[in-house]
Amino acid sequence: MNRHINTGRMGESLAIEYLTDKGYVILETNYRNRIGEVDIIAYDKDVLVFVEVKTRLGTNYGYAFESVDSRKQKKIANASLMYLQKNRMSDVQVRYDVIEVYPMEEVRVNHFENAFSL
């Protein structure tokens, strides 16, 4: 299996563990529809959170969160709107977070709440 896929899966697992420890309720992981993908969908109390996880083995090419550019944000937002519509969730508060994971000797997880909006 591709090393990038393994790194990404490890990062997502660490992000799920991190969110669960913070009291989030995980609804879906790797949600896909014809528009795009959302890594994690979870509830933070009464807020529905769509989370993009970026994993890097270092910062040689910049910080992980920097790769969630406006094009990627739009794709996540559109996929989330389709999720809301499909699940008939019209009266729910929504937030978009980015989690960057650096799984080196000492694992580092940085959580950017409200990283972007529609």
PDB file of N, CA and C in Angstrom:
ATOM      1  N   MET A   1       0.842  -1.189   0.000  1.00  0.00           N
ATOM      2  CA  MET A   1       0.000   0.000   0.000  1.00  0.00           C
ATOM      3  C   MET A   1       0.885   1.249   0.000  1.00  0.00           C
ATOM      4  N   ASN A   2       0.421   2.262  -0.638  1.00  0.00           N
ATOM      5  CA  ASN A   2       1.126   3.524  -0.768  1.00  0.00           C
ATOM      6  C   ASN A   2       1.460   4.127   0.609  1.00  0.00           C
ATOM      7  N   ARG A   3       2.686   4.629   0.751  1.00  0.00           N
ATOM      8  CA  ARG A   3       3.127   5.214   2.025  1.00  0.00           C
ATOM      9  C   ARG A   3       2.277   6.417   2.418  1.00  0.00           C
ATOM     10  N   HIS A   4       1.844   7.214   1.415  1.00  0.00           N
ATOM     11  CA  HIS A   4       1.012   8.392   1.710  1.00  0.00           C
ATOM     12  C   HIS A   4      -0.342   7.980   2.284  1.00  0.00           C
ATOM     13  N   ILE A   5      -0.890   6.887   1.738  1.00  0.00           N
ATOM     14  CA  ILE A   5      -2.180   6.401   2.237  1.00  0.00           C
ATOM     15  C   ILE A   5      -2.021   5.910   3.672  1.00  0.00           C
ATOM     16  N   ASN A   6      -0.947   5.173   3.950  1.00  0.00           N
ATOM     17  CA  ASN A   6      -0.691   4.700   5.314  1.00  0.00           C
ATOM     18  C   ASN A   6      -0.526   5.867   6.275  1.00  0.00           C
ATOM     19  N   THR A   7       0.242   6.873   5.874  1.00  0.00           N
ATOM     20  CA  THR A   7       0.457   8.062   6.712  1.00  0.00           C
ATOM     21  C   THR A   7      -0.871   8.765   6.963  1.00  0.00           C
ATOM     22  N   GLY A   8      -1.681   8.913   5.914  1.00  0.00           N
ATOM     23  CA  GLY A   8      -2.983   9.563   6.048  1.00  0.00           C
ATOM     24  C   GLY A   8      -3.912   8.806   6.976  1.00  0.00           C
ATOM     25  N   ARG A   9      -3.950   7.495   6.831  1.00  0.00           N
ATOM     26  CA  ARG A   9      -4.814   6.670   7.709  1.00  0.00           C
ATOM     27  C   ARG A   9      -4.371   6.769   9.158  1.00  0.00           C
ATOM     28  N   MET A  10      -3.053   6.746   9.375  1.00  0.00           N
ATOM     29  CA  MET A  10      -2.534   6.867  10.732  1.00  0.00           C
ATOM     30  C   MET A  10      -2.938   8.227  11.315  1.00  0.00           C
ATOM     31  N   GLY A  11      -2.807   9.272  10.511  1.00  0.00           N
ATOM     32  CA  GLY A  11      -3.184  10.611  10.957  1.00  0.00           C
ATOM     33  C   GLY A  11      -4.653  10.702  11.309  1.00  0.00           C
ATOM     34  N   GLU A  12      -5.496  10.104  10.481  1.00  0.00           N
ATOM     35  CA  GLU A  12      -6.935  10.117  10.757  1.00  0.00           C
ATOM     36  C   GLU A  12      -7.256   9.353  12.033  1.00  0.00           C
ATOM     37  N   SER A  13      -6.598   8.230  12.249  1.00  0.00           N
ATOM     38  CA  SER A  13      -6.813   7.464  13.491  1.00  0.00           C
ATOM     39  C   SER A  13      -6.422   8.285  14.705  1.00  0.00           C
ATOM     40  N   LEU A  14      -5.281   8.976  14.627  1.00  0.00           N
ATOM     41  CA  LEU A  14      -4.830   9.829  15.739  1.00  0.00           C
ATOM     42  C   LEU A  14      -5.798  10.991  15.953  1.00  0.00           C
ATOM     43  N   ALA A  15      -6.329  11.543  14.867  1.00  0.00           N
ATOM     44  CA  ALA A  15      -7.286  12.652  14.972  1.00  0.00           C
ATOM     45  C   ALA A  15      -8.588  12.179  15.621  1.00  0.00           C
ATOM     46  N   ILE A  16      -9.047  10.985  15.248  1.00  0.00           N
ATOM     47  CA  ILE A  16     -10.276  10.433  15.841  1.00  0.00           C
ATOM     48  C   ILE A  16     -10.074  10.213  17.341  1.00  0.00           C
ATOM     49  N   GLU A  17      -8.926   9.652  17.699  1.00  0.00           N
ATOM     50  CA  GLU A  17      -8.608   9.436  19.114  1.00  0.00           C
ATOM     51  C   GLU A  17      -8.579  10.772  19.868  1.00  0.00           C
ATOM     52  N   TYR A  18      -7.956  11.777  19.272  1.00  0.00           N
ATOM     53  CA  TYR A  18      -7.864  13.114  19.862  1.00  0.00           C
ATOM     54  C   TYR A  18      -9.268  13.692  20.087  1.00  0.00           C
ATOM     55  N   LEU A  19     -10.122  13.628  19.041  1.00  0.00           N
ATOM     56  CA  LEU A  19     -11.469  14.196  19.152  1.00  0.00           C
ATOM     57  C   LEU A  19     -12.316  13.439  20.170  1.00  0.00           C
ATOM     58  N   THR A  20     -12.211  12.128  20.164  1.00  0.00           N
ATOM     59  CA  THR A  20     -12.957  11.305  21.126  1.00  0.00           C
ATOM     60  C   THR A  20     -12.559  11.660  22.552  1.00  0.00           C
ATOM     61  N   ASP A  21     -11.253  11.836  22.770  1.00  0.00           N
ATOM     62  CA  ASP A  21     -10.765  12.235  24.103  1.00  0.00           C
ATOM     63  C   ASP A  21     -11.321  13.589  24.525  1.00  0.00           C
ATOM     64  N   LYS A  22     -11.601  14.454  23.547  1.00  0.00           N
ATOM     65  CA  LYS A  22     -12.162  15.779  23.846  1.00  0.00           C
ATOM     66  C   LYS A  22     -13.684  15.752  23.983  1.00  0.00           C
ATOM     67  N   GLY A  23     -14.278  14.557  23.862  1.00  0.00           N
ATOM     68  CA  GLY A  23     -15.720  14.428  24.049  1.00  0.00           C
ATOM     69  C   GLY A  23     -16.548  14.518  22.779  1.00  0.00           C
ATOM     70  N   TYR A  24     -15.910  14.544  21.628  1.00  0.00           N
ATOM     71  CA  TYR A  24     -16.664  14.577  20.370  1.00  0.00           C
ATOM     72  C   TYR A  24     -17.298  13.211  20.134  1.00  0.00           C
ATOM     73  N   VAL A  25     -18.434  13.211  19.466  1.00  0.00           N
ATOM     74  CA  VAL A  25     -19.095  11.972  19.068  1.00  0.00           C
ATOM     75  C   VAL A  25     -18.898  11.816  17.561  1.00  0.00           C
ATOM     76  N   ILE A  26     -18.170  10.784  17.171  1.00  0.00           N
ATOM     77  CA  ILE A  26     -17.852  10.558  15.761  1.00  0.00           C
ATOM     78  C   ILE A  26     -19.055   9.918  15.071  1.00  0.00           C
ATOM     79  N   LEU A  27     -19.531  10.549  13.997  1.00  0.00           N
ATOM     80  CA  LEU A  27     -20.661  10.013  13.237  1.00  0.00           C
ATOM     81  C   LEU A  27     -20.182   9.226  12.022  1.00  0.00           C
ATOM     82  N   GLU A  28     -19.215   9.787  11.303  1.00  0.00           N
ATOM     83  CA  GLU A  28     -18.732   9.147  10.080  1.00  0.00           C
ATOM     84  C   GLU A  28     -17.254   9.453   9.895  1.00  0.00           C
ATOM     85  N   THR A  29     -16.574   8.534   9.229  1.00  0.00           N
ATOM     86  CA  THR A  29     -15.200   8.786   8.800  1.00  0.00           C
ATOM     87  C   THR A  29     -15.120   8.485   7.317  1.00  0.00           C
ATOM     88  N   ASN A  30     -14.282   9.229   6.634  1.00  0.00           N
ATOM     89  CA  ASN A  30     -14.100   9.074   5.183  1.00  0.00           C
ATOM     90  C   ASN A  30     -15.432   9.083   4.430  1.00  0.00           C
ATOM     91  N   TYR A  31     -16.285  10.046   4.777  1.00  0.00           N
ATOM     92  CA  TYR A  31     -17.570  10.200   4.088  1.00  0.00           C
ATOM     93  C   TYR A  31     -17.311  10.694   2.667  1.00  0.00           C
ATOM     94  N   ARG A  32     -17.902   9.998   1.701  1.00  0.00           N
ATOM     95  CA  ARG A  32     -17.735  10.376   0.301  1.00  0.00           C
ATOM     96  C   ARG A  32     -19.088  10.507  -0.376  1.00  0.00           C
ATOM     97  N   ASN A  33     -19.176  11.497  -1.250  1.00  0.00           N
ATOM     98  CA  ASN A  33     -20.310  11.583  -2.166  1.00  0.00           C
ATOM     99  C   ASN A  33     -19.747  12.038  -3.508  1.00  0.00           C
ATOM    100  N   ARG A  34     -20.611  12.283  -4.470  1.00  0.00           N
ATOM    101  CA  ARG A  34     -20.102  12.584  -5.820  1.00  0.00           C
ATOM    102  C   ARG A  34     -19.365  13.931  -5.887  1.00  0.00           C
ATOM    103  N   ILE A  35     -19.542  14.759  -4.893  1.00  0.00           N
ATOM    104  CA  ILE A  35     -18.901  16.076  -4.898  1.00  0.00           C
ATOM    105  C   ILE A  35     -17.522  16.044  -4.256  1.00  0.00           C
ATOM    106  N   GLY A  36     -17.377  15.270  -3.192  1.00  0.00           N
ATOM    107  CA  GLY A  36     -16.097  15.264  -2.499  1.00  0.00           C
ATOM    108  C   GLY A  36     -16.089  14.335  -1.308  1.00  0.00           C
ATOM    109  N   GLU A  37     -15.148  14.598  -0.413  1.00  0.00           N
ATOM    110  CA  GLU A  37     -14.952  13.735   0.757  1.00  0.00           C
ATOM    111  C   GLU A  37     -14.748  14.595   1.991  1.00  0.00           C
ATOM    112  N   VAL A  38     -15.230  14.077   3.113  1.00  0.00           N
ATOM    113  CA  VAL A  38     -14.976  14.703   4.412  1.00  0.00           C
ATOM    114  C   VAL A  38     -14.336  13.625   5.280  1.00  0.00           C
ATOM    115  N   ASP A  39     -13.181  13.933   5.876  1.00  0.00           N
ATOM    116  CA  ASP A  39     -12.443  12.936   6.646  1.00  0.00           C
ATOM    117  C   ASP A  39     -13.210  12.468   7.878  1.00  0.00           C
ATOM    118  N   ILE A  40     -13.720  13.421   8.665  1.00  0.00           N
ATOM    119  CA  ILE A  40     -14.439  13.079   9.899  1.00  0.00           C
ATOM    120  C   ILE A  40     -15.659  13.982  10.028  1.00  0.00           C
ATOM    121  N   ILE A  41     -16.786  13.381  10.378  1.00  0.00           N
ATOM    122  CA  ILE A  41     -17.987  14.147  10.713  1.00  0.00           C
ATOM    123  C   ILE A  41     -18.328  13.771  12.146  1.00  0.00           C
ATOM    124  N   ALA A  42     -18.450  14.791  13.000  1.00  0.00           N
ATOM    125  CA  ALA A  42     -18.642  14.522  14.427  1.00  0.00           C
ATOM    126  C   ALA A  42     -19.482  15.616  15.072  1.00  0.00           C
ATOM    127  N   TYR A  43     -20.021  15.279  16.224  1.00  0.00           N
ATOM    128  CA  TYR A  43     -20.703  16.287  17.037  1.00  0.00           C
ATOM    129  C   TYR A  43     -19.774  16.745  18.147  1.00  0.00           C
ATOM    130  N   ASP A  44     -19.661  18.058  18.287  1.00  0.00           N
ATOM    131  CA  ASP A  44     -19.009  18.688  19.432  1.00  0.00           C
ATOM    132  C   ASP A  44     -20.147  19.340  20.205  1.00  0.00           C
ATOM    133  N   LYS A  45     -20.651  18.644  21.193  1.00  0.00           N
ATOM    134  CA  LYS A  45     -21.878  19.019  21.903  1.00  0.00           C
ATOM    135  C   LYS A  45     -23.002  19.092  20.873  1.00  0.00           C
ATOM    136  N   ASP A  46     -23.573  20.278  20.619  1.00  0.00           N
ATOM    137  CA  ASP A  46     -24.681  20.358  19.661  1.00  0.00           C
ATOM    138  C   ASP A  46     -24.257  20.940  18.312  1.00  0.00           C
ATOM    139  N   VAL A  47     -22.968  21.008  18.058  1.00  0.00           N
ATOM    140  CA  VAL A  47     -22.460  21.542  16.787  1.00  0.00           C
ATOM    141  C   VAL A  47     -21.963  20.382  15.924  1.00  0.00           C
ATOM    142  N   LEU A  48     -22.435  20.336  14.676  1.00  0.00           N
ATOM    143  CA  LEU A  48     -21.990  19.324  13.733  1.00  0.00           C
ATOM    144  C   LEU A  48     -20.694  19.825  13.090  1.00  0.00           C
ATOM    145  N   VAL A  49     -19.637  19.033  13.239  1.00  0.00           N
ATOM    146  CA  VAL A  49     -18.308  19.476  12.789  1.00  0.00           C
ATOM    147  C   VAL A  49     -17.830  18.591  11.640  1.00  0.00           C
ATOM    148  N   PHE A  50     -17.427  19.258  10.560  1.00  0.00           N
ATOM    149  CA  PHE A  50     -16.814  18.583   9.417  1.00  0.00           C
ATOM    150  C   PHE A  50     -15.319  18.843   9.528  1.00  0.00           C
ATOM    151  N   VAL A  51     -14.552  17.762   9.621  1.00  0.00           N
ATOM    152  CA  VAL A  51     -13.119  17.887   9.914  1.00  0.00           C
ATOM    153  C   VAL A  51     -12.277  17.381   8.745  1.00  0.00           C
ATOM    154  N   GLU A  52     -11.354  18.205   8.321  1.00  0.00           N
ATOM    155  CA  GLU A  52     -10.343  17.809   7.334  1.00  0.00           C
ATOM    156  C   GLU A  52      -9.065  17.503   8.101  1.00  0.00           C
ATOM    157  N   VAL A  53      -8.506  16.320   7.872  1.00  0.00           N
ATOM    158  CA  VAL A  53      -7.281  15.910   8.558  1.00  0.00           C
ATOM    159  C   VAL A  53      -6.126  15.926   7.561  1.00  0.00           C
ATOM    160  N   LYS A  54      -5.053  16.586   7.943  1.00  0.00           N
ATOM    161  CA  LYS A  54      -3.843  16.623   7.116  1.00  0.00           C
ATOM    162  C   LYS A  54      -2.691  16.084   7.939  1.00  0.00           C
ATOM    163  N   THR A  55      -2.003  15.102   7.399  1.00  0.00           N
ATOM    164  CA  THR A  55      -0.897  14.464   8.114  1.00  0.00           C
ATOM    165  C   THR A  55       0.392  14.698   7.342  1.00  0.00           C
ATOM    166  N   ARG A  56       1.418  15.095   8.055  1.00  0.00           N
ATOM    167  CA  ARG A  56       2.726  15.307   7.443  1.00  0.00           C
ATOM    168  C   ARG A  56       3.791  14.701   8.335  1.00  0.00           C
ATOM    169  N   LEU A  57       4.851  14.229   7.716  1.00  0.00           N
ATOM    170  CA  LEU A  57       5.974  13.672   8.475  1.00  0.00           C
ATOM    171  C   LEU A  57       6.974  14.761   8.850  1.00  0.00           C
ATOM    172  N   GLY A  58       6.744  15.969   8.391  1.00  0.00           N
ATOM    173  CA  GLY A  58       7.603  17.104   8.718  1.00  0.00           C
ATOM    174  C   GLY A  58       7.041  18.367   8.108  1.00  0.00           C
ATOM    175  N   THR A  59       7.745  19.471   8.279  1.00  0.00           N
ATOM    176  CA  THR A  59       7.260  20.754   7.763  1.00  0.00           C
ATOM    177  C   THR A  59       8.144  21.279   6.631  1.00  0.00           C
ATOM    178  N   ASN A  60       8.917  20.397   6.013  1.00  0.00           N
ATOM    179  CA  ASN A  60       9.793  20.816   4.903  1.00  0.00           C
ATOM    180  C   ASN A  60       9.021  21.493   3.781  1.00  0.00           C
ATOM    181  N   TYR A  61       7.789  21.067   3.576  1.00  0.00           N
ATOM    182  CA  TYR A  61       6.975  21.617   2.485  1.00  0.00           C
ATOM    183  C   TYR A  61       5.862  22.511   3.019  1.00  0.00           C
ATOM    184  N   GLY A  62       6.059  23.083   4.195  1.00  0.00           N
ATOM    185  CA  GLY A  62       5.050  23.945   4.805  1.00  0.00           C
ATOM    186  C   GLY A  62       4.241  23.180   5.837  1.00  0.00           C
ATOM    187  N   TYR A  63       3.385  23.904   6.519  1.00  0.00           N
ATOM    188  CA  TYR A  63       2.536  23.288   7.530  1.00  0.00           C
ATOM    189  C   TYR A  63       1.367  22.580   6.867  1.00  0.00           C
ATOM    190  N   ALA A  64       0.916  21.512   7.496  1.00  0.00           N
ATOM    191  CA  ALA A  64      -0.137  20.674   6.914  1.00  0.00           C
ATOM    192  C   ALA A  64      -1.406  21.468   6.620  1.00  0.00           C
ATOM    193  N   PHE A  65      -1.831  22.334   7.554  1.00  0.00           N
ATOM    194  CA  PHE A  65      -3.092  23.054   7.366  1.00  0.00           C
ATOM    195  C   PHE A  65      -3.056  23.972   6.150  1.00  0.00           C
ATOM    196  N   GLU A  66      -1.867  24.373   5.729  1.00  0.00           N
ATOM    197  CA  GLU A  66      -1.748  25.274   4.579  1.00  0.00           C
ATOM    198  C   GLU A  66      -2.227  24.632   3.280  1.00  0.00           C
ATOM    199  N   SER A  67      -2.272  23.307   3.249  1.00  0.00           N
ATOM    200  CA  SER A  67      -2.723  22.625   2.033  1.00  0.00           C
ATOM    201  C   SER A  67      -4.249  22.628   1.892  1.00  0.00           C
ATOM    202  N   VAL A  68      -4.949  23.104   2.913  1.00  0.00           N
ATOM    203  CA  VAL A  68      -6.410  23.213   2.818  1.00  0.00           C
ATOM    204  C   VAL A  68      -6.723  24.604   2.257  1.00  0.00           C
ATOM    205  N   ASP A  69      -6.490  24.715   0.949  1.00  0.00           N
ATOM    206  CA  ASP A  69      -6.665  26.010   0.274  1.00  0.00           C
ATOM    207  C   ASP A  69      -8.147  26.259  -0.037  1.00  0.00           C
ATOM    208  N   SER A  70      -8.431  27.391  -0.661  1.00  0.00           N
ATOM    209  CA  SER A  70      -9.827  27.774  -0.905  1.00  0.00           C
ATOM    210  C   SER A  70     -10.551  26.760  -1.794  1.00  0.00           C
ATOM    211  N   ARG A  71      -9.833  26.155  -2.735  1.00  0.00           N
ATOM    212  CA  ARG A  71     -10.453  25.141  -3.612  1.00  0.00           C
ATOM    213  C   ARG A  71     -10.868  23.916  -2.783  1.00  0.00           C
ATOM    214  N   LYS A  72      -9.975  23.476  -1.892  1.00  0.00           N
ATOM    215  CA  LYS A  72     -10.251  22.324  -1.024  1.00  0.00           C
ATOM    216  C   LYS A  72     -11.388  22.659  -0.052  1.00  0.00           C
ATOM    217  N   GLN A  73     -11.376  23.872   0.493  1.00  0.00           N
ATOM    218  CA  GLN A  73     -12.435  24.298   1.414  1.00  0.00           C
ATOM    219  C   GLN A  73     -13.801  24.258   0.728  1.00  0.00           C
ATOM    220  N   LYS A  74     -13.838  24.738  -0.516  1.00  0.00           N
ATOM    221  CA  LYS A  74     -15.100  24.761  -1.259  1.00  0.00           C
ATOM    222  C   LYS A  74     -15.607  23.342  -1.503  1.00  0.00           C
ATOM    223  N   LYS A  75     -14.700  22.431  -1.815  1.00  0.00           N
ATOM    224  CA  LYS A  75     -15.065  21.034  -2.060  1.00  0.00           C
ATOM    225  C   LYS A  75     -15.629  20.390  -0.782  1.00  0.00           C
ATOM    226  N   ILE A  76     -14.975  20.648   0.354  1.00  0.00           N
ATOM    227  CA  ILE A  76     -15.442  20.125   1.640  1.00  0.00           C
ATOM    228  C   ILE A  76     -16.816  20.714   1.985  1.00  0.00           C
ATOM    229  N   ALA A  77     -16.947  22.021   1.802  1.00  0.00           N
ATOM    230  CA  ALA A  77     -18.220  22.693   2.103  1.00  0.00           C
ATOM    231  C   ALA A  77     -19.346  22.128   1.247  1.00  0.00           C
ATOM    232  N   ASN A  78     -19.100  21.945  -0.049  1.00  0.00           N
ATOM    233  CA  ASN A  78     -20.134  21.406  -0.936  1.00  0.00           C
ATOM    234  C   ASN A  78     -20.490  19.964  -0.582  1.00  0.00           C
ATOM    235  N   ALA A  79     -19.495  19.156  -0.246  1.00  0.00           N
ATOM    236  CA  ALA A  79     -19.754  17.770   0.175  1.00  0.00           C
ATOM    237  C   ALA A  79     -20.566  17.773   1.465  1.00  0.00           C
ATOM    238  N   SER A  80     -20.259  18.701   2.372  1.00  0.00           N
ATOM    239  CA  SER A  80     -20.989  18.770   3.645  1.00  0.00           C
ATOM    240  C   SER A  80     -22.443  19.194   3.425  1.00  0.00           C
ATOM    241  N   LEU A  81     -22.663  20.104   2.492  1.00  0.00           N
ATOM    242  CA  LEU A  81     -24.039  20.525   2.206  1.00  0.00           C
ATOM    243  C   LEU A  81     -24.864  19.362   1.663  1.00  0.00           C
ATOM    244  N   MET A  82     -24.232  18.539   0.833  1.00  0.00           N
ATOM    245  CA  MET A  82     -24.919  17.357   0.310  1.00  0.00           C
ATOM    246  C   MET A  82     -25.217  16.377   1.451  1.00  0.00           C
ATOM    247  N   TYR A  83     -24.277  16.230   2.395  1.00  0.00           N
ATOM    248  CA  TYR A  83     -24.478  15.367   3.560  1.00  0.00           C
ATOM    249  C   TYR A  83     -25.677  15.866   4.378  1.00  0.00           C
ATOM    250  N   LEU A  84     -25.726  17.173   4.619  1.00  0.00           N
ATOM    251  CA  LEU A  84     -26.824  17.759   5.396  1.00  0.00           C
ATOM    252  C   LEU A  84     -28.163  17.520   4.710  1.00  0.00           C
ATOM    253  N   GLN A  85     -28.181  17.718   3.390  1.00  0.00           N
ATOM    254  CA  GLN A  85     -29.404  17.531   2.619  1.00  0.00           C
ATOM    255  C   GLN A  85     -29.843  16.065   2.645  1.00  0.00           C
ATOM    256  N   LYS A  86     -28.902  15.159   2.409  1.00  0.00           N
ATOM    257  CA  LYS A  86     -29.190  13.719   2.377  1.00  0.00           C
ATOM    258  C   LYS A  86     -29.756  13.247   3.721  1.00  0.00           C
ATOM    259  N   ASN A  87     -29.236  13.801   4.811  1.00  0.00           N
ATOM    260  CA  ASN A  87     -29.659  13.393   6.154  1.00  0.00           C
ATOM    261  C   ASN A  87     -30.739  14.291   6.751  1.00  0.00           C
ATOM    262  N   ARG A  88     -31.312  15.149   5.914  1.00  0.00           N
ATOM    263  CA  ARG A  88     -32.397  16.058   6.313  1.00  0.00           C
ATOM    264  C   ARG A  88     -32.049  16.820   7.590  1.00  0.00           C
ATOM    265  N   MET A  89     -30.862  17.392   7.605  1.00  0.00           N
ATOM    266  CA  MET A  89     -30.388  18.143   8.770  1.00  0.00           C
ATOM    267  C   MET A  89     -30.366  19.629   8.404  1.00  0.00           C
ATOM    268  N   SER A  90     -31.516  20.272   8.538  1.00  0.00           N
ATOM    269  CA  SER A  90     -31.589  21.664   8.111  1.00  0.00           C
ATOM    270  C   SER A  90     -31.406  22.646   9.262  1.00  0.00           C
ATOM    271  N   ASP A  91     -31.664  22.203  10.470  1.00  0.00           N
ATOM    272  CA  ASP A  91     -31.634  23.132  11.599  1.00  0.00           C
ATOM    273  C   ASP A  91     -30.507  22.787  12.565  1.00  0.00           C
ATOM    274  N   VAL A  92     -29.290  22.657  12.009  1.00  0.00           N
ATOM    275  CA  VAL A  92     -28.155  22.270  12.832  1.00  0.00           C
ATOM    276  C   VAL A  92     -27.028  23.292  12.644  1.00  0.00           C
ATOM    277  N   GLN A  93     -26.346  23.568  13.731  1.00  0.00           N
ATOM    278  CA  GLN A  93     -25.199  24.481  13.653  1.00  0.00           C
ATOM    279  C   GLN A  93     -24.002  23.695  13.121  1.00  0.00           C
ATOM    280  N   VAL A  94     -23.289  24.277  12.154  1.00  0.00           N
ATOM    281  CA  VAL A  94     -22.202  23.589  11.471  1.00  0.00           C
ATOM    282  C   VAL A  94     -20.890  24.347  11.655  1.00  0.00           C
ATOM    283  N   ARG A  95     -19.804  23.579  11.755  1.00  0.00           N
ATOM    284  CA  ARG A  95     -18.470  24.178  11.875  1.00  0.00           C
ATOM    285  C   ARG A  95     -17.502  23.359  11.018  1.00  0.00           C
ATOM    286  N   TYR A  96     -16.485  24.038  10.500  1.00  0.00           N
ATOM    287  CA  TYR A  96     -15.454  23.368   9.703  1.00  0.00           C
ATOM    288  C   TYR A  96     -14.113  23.505  10.408  1.00  0.00           C
ATOM    289  N   ASP A  97     -13.527  22.367  10.749  1.00  0.00           N
ATOM    290  CA  ASP A  97     -12.243  22.339  11.452  1.00  0.00           C
ATOM    291  C   ASP A  97     -11.183  21.686  10.575  1.00  0.00           C
ATOM    292  N   VAL A  98      -9.942  22.018  10.875  1.00  0.00           N
ATOM    293  CA  VAL A  98      -8.807  21.341  10.254  1.00  0.00           C
ATOM    294  C   VAL A  98      -7.931  20.822  11.391  1.00  0.00           C
ATOM    295  N   ILE A  99      -7.521  19.567  11.260  1.00  0.00           N
ATOM    296  CA  ILE A  99      -6.586  18.989  12.225  1.00  0.00           C
ATOM    297  C   ILE A  99      -5.340  18.590  11.458  1.00  0.00           C
ATOM    298  N   GLU A 100      -4.198  19.073  11.938  1.00  0.00           N
ATOM    299  CA  GLU A 100      -2.943  18.623  11.333  1.00  0.00           C
ATOM    300  C   GLU A 100      -2.255  17.701  12.324  1.00  0.00           C
ATOM    301  N   VAL A 101      -1.717  16.611  11.768  1.00  0.00           N
ATOM    302  CA  VAL A 101      -1.081  15.585  12.588  1.00  0.00           C
ATOM    303  C   VAL A 101       0.349  15.396  12.094  1.00  0.00           C
ATOM    304  N   TYR A 102       1.260  15.407  13.047  1.00  0.00           N
ATOM    305  CA  TYR A 102       2.673  15.136  12.768  1.00  0.00           C
ATOM    306  C   TYR A 102       3.064  13.913  13.605  1.00  0.00           C
ATOM    307  N   PRO A 103       3.005  12.711  12.999  1.00  0.00           N
ATOM    308  CA  PRO A 103       3.274  11.471  13.761  1.00  0.00           C
ATOM    309  C   PRO A 103       4.760  11.123  13.793  1.00  0.00           C
ATOM    310  N   MET A 104       5.538  11.984  14.411  1.00  0.00           N
ATOM    311  CA  MET A 104       6.973  11.734  14.512  1.00  0.00           C
ATOM    312  C   MET A 104       7.261  11.100  15.863  1.00  0.00           C
ATOM    313  N   GLU A 105       8.502  11.197  16.348  1.00  0.00           N
ATOM    314  CA  GLU A 105       8.851  10.568  17.636  1.00  0.00           C
ATOM    315  C   GLU A 105       7.807  10.931  18.683  1.00  0.00           C
ATOM    316  N   GLU A 106       7.506  12.223  18.746  1.00  0.00           N
ATOM    317  CA  GLU A 106       6.451  12.688  19.648  1.00  0.00           C
ATOM    318  C   GLU A 106       5.319  13.181  18.766  1.00  0.00           C
ATOM    319  N   VAL A 107       4.175  12.535  18.860  1.00  0.00           N
ATOM    320  CA  VAL A 107       3.043  12.891  18.005  1.00  0.00           C
ATOM    321  C   VAL A 107       2.542  14.288  18.367  1.00  0.00           C
ATOM    322  N   ARG A 108       2.351  15.100  17.343  1.00  0.00           N
ATOM    323  CA  ARG A 108       1.804  16.445  17.540  1.00  0.00           C
ATOM    324  C   ARG A 108       0.487  16.545  16.781  1.00  0.00           C
ATOM    325  N   VAL A 109      -0.555  17.005  17.476  1.00  0.00           N
ATOM    326  CA  VAL A 109      -1.856  17.218  16.864  1.00  0.00           C
ATOM    327  C   VAL A 109      -2.238  18.669  17.100  1.00  0.00           C
ATOM    328  N   ASN A 110      -2.482  19.398  16.005  1.00  0.00           N
ATOM    329  CA  ASN A 110      -2.935  20.791  16.101  1.00  0.00           C
ATOM    330  C   ASN A 110      -4.356  20.864  15.556  1.00  0.00           C
ATOM    331  N   HIS A 111      -5.249  21.403  16.365  1.00  0.00           N
ATOM    332  CA  HIS A 111      -6.676  21.462  15.994  1.00  0.00           C
ATOM    333  C   HIS A 111      -7.061  22.917  15.769  1.00  0.00           C
ATOM    334  N   PHE A 112      -7.494  23.202  14.557  1.00  0.00           N
ATOM    335  CA  PHE A 112      -7.948  24.546  14.193  1.00  0.00           C
ATOM    336  C   PHE A 112      -9.460  24.524  14.104  1.00  0.00           C
ATOM    337  N   GLU A 113     -10.111  24.966  15.180  1.00  0.00           N
ATOM    338  CA  GLU A 113     -11.569  25.021  15.183  1.00  0.00           C
ATOM    339  C   GLU A 113     -12.000  26.207  14.353  1.00  0.00           C
ATOM    340  N   ASN A 114     -13.117  26.027  13.641  1.00  0.00           N
ATOM    341  CA  ASN A 114     -13.650  27.108  12.803  1.00  0.00           C
ATOM    342  C   ASN A 114     -12.585  27.593  11.816  1.00  0.00           C
ATOM    343  N   ALA A 115     -11.886  26.675  11.201  1.00  0.00           N
ATOM    344  CA  ALA A 115     -10.777  26.987  10.304  1.00  0.00           C
ATOM    345  C   ALA A 115     -11.233  27.764   9.056  1.00  0.00           C
ATOM    346  N   PHE A 116     -12.457  27.477   8.631  1.00  0.00           N
ATOM    347  CA  PHE A 116     -13.039  28.222   7.501  1.00  0.00           C
ATOM    348  C   PHE A 116     -14.544  28.124   7.586  1.00  0.00           C
ATOM    349  N   SER A 117     -15.222  28.931   6.763  1.00  0.00           N
ATOM    350  CA  SER A 117     -16.686  28.897   6.774  1.00  0.00           C
ATOM    351  C   SER A 117     -17.183  28.908   5.330  1.00  0.00           C
ATOM    352  N   LEU A 118     -18.484  28.722   5.185  1.00  0.00           N
ATOM    353  CA  LEU A 118     -19.060  28.674   3.835  1.00  0.00           C
ATOM    354  C   LEU A 118     -18.928  30.011   3.136  1.00  0.00           C
TER     355      LEU A 118
END
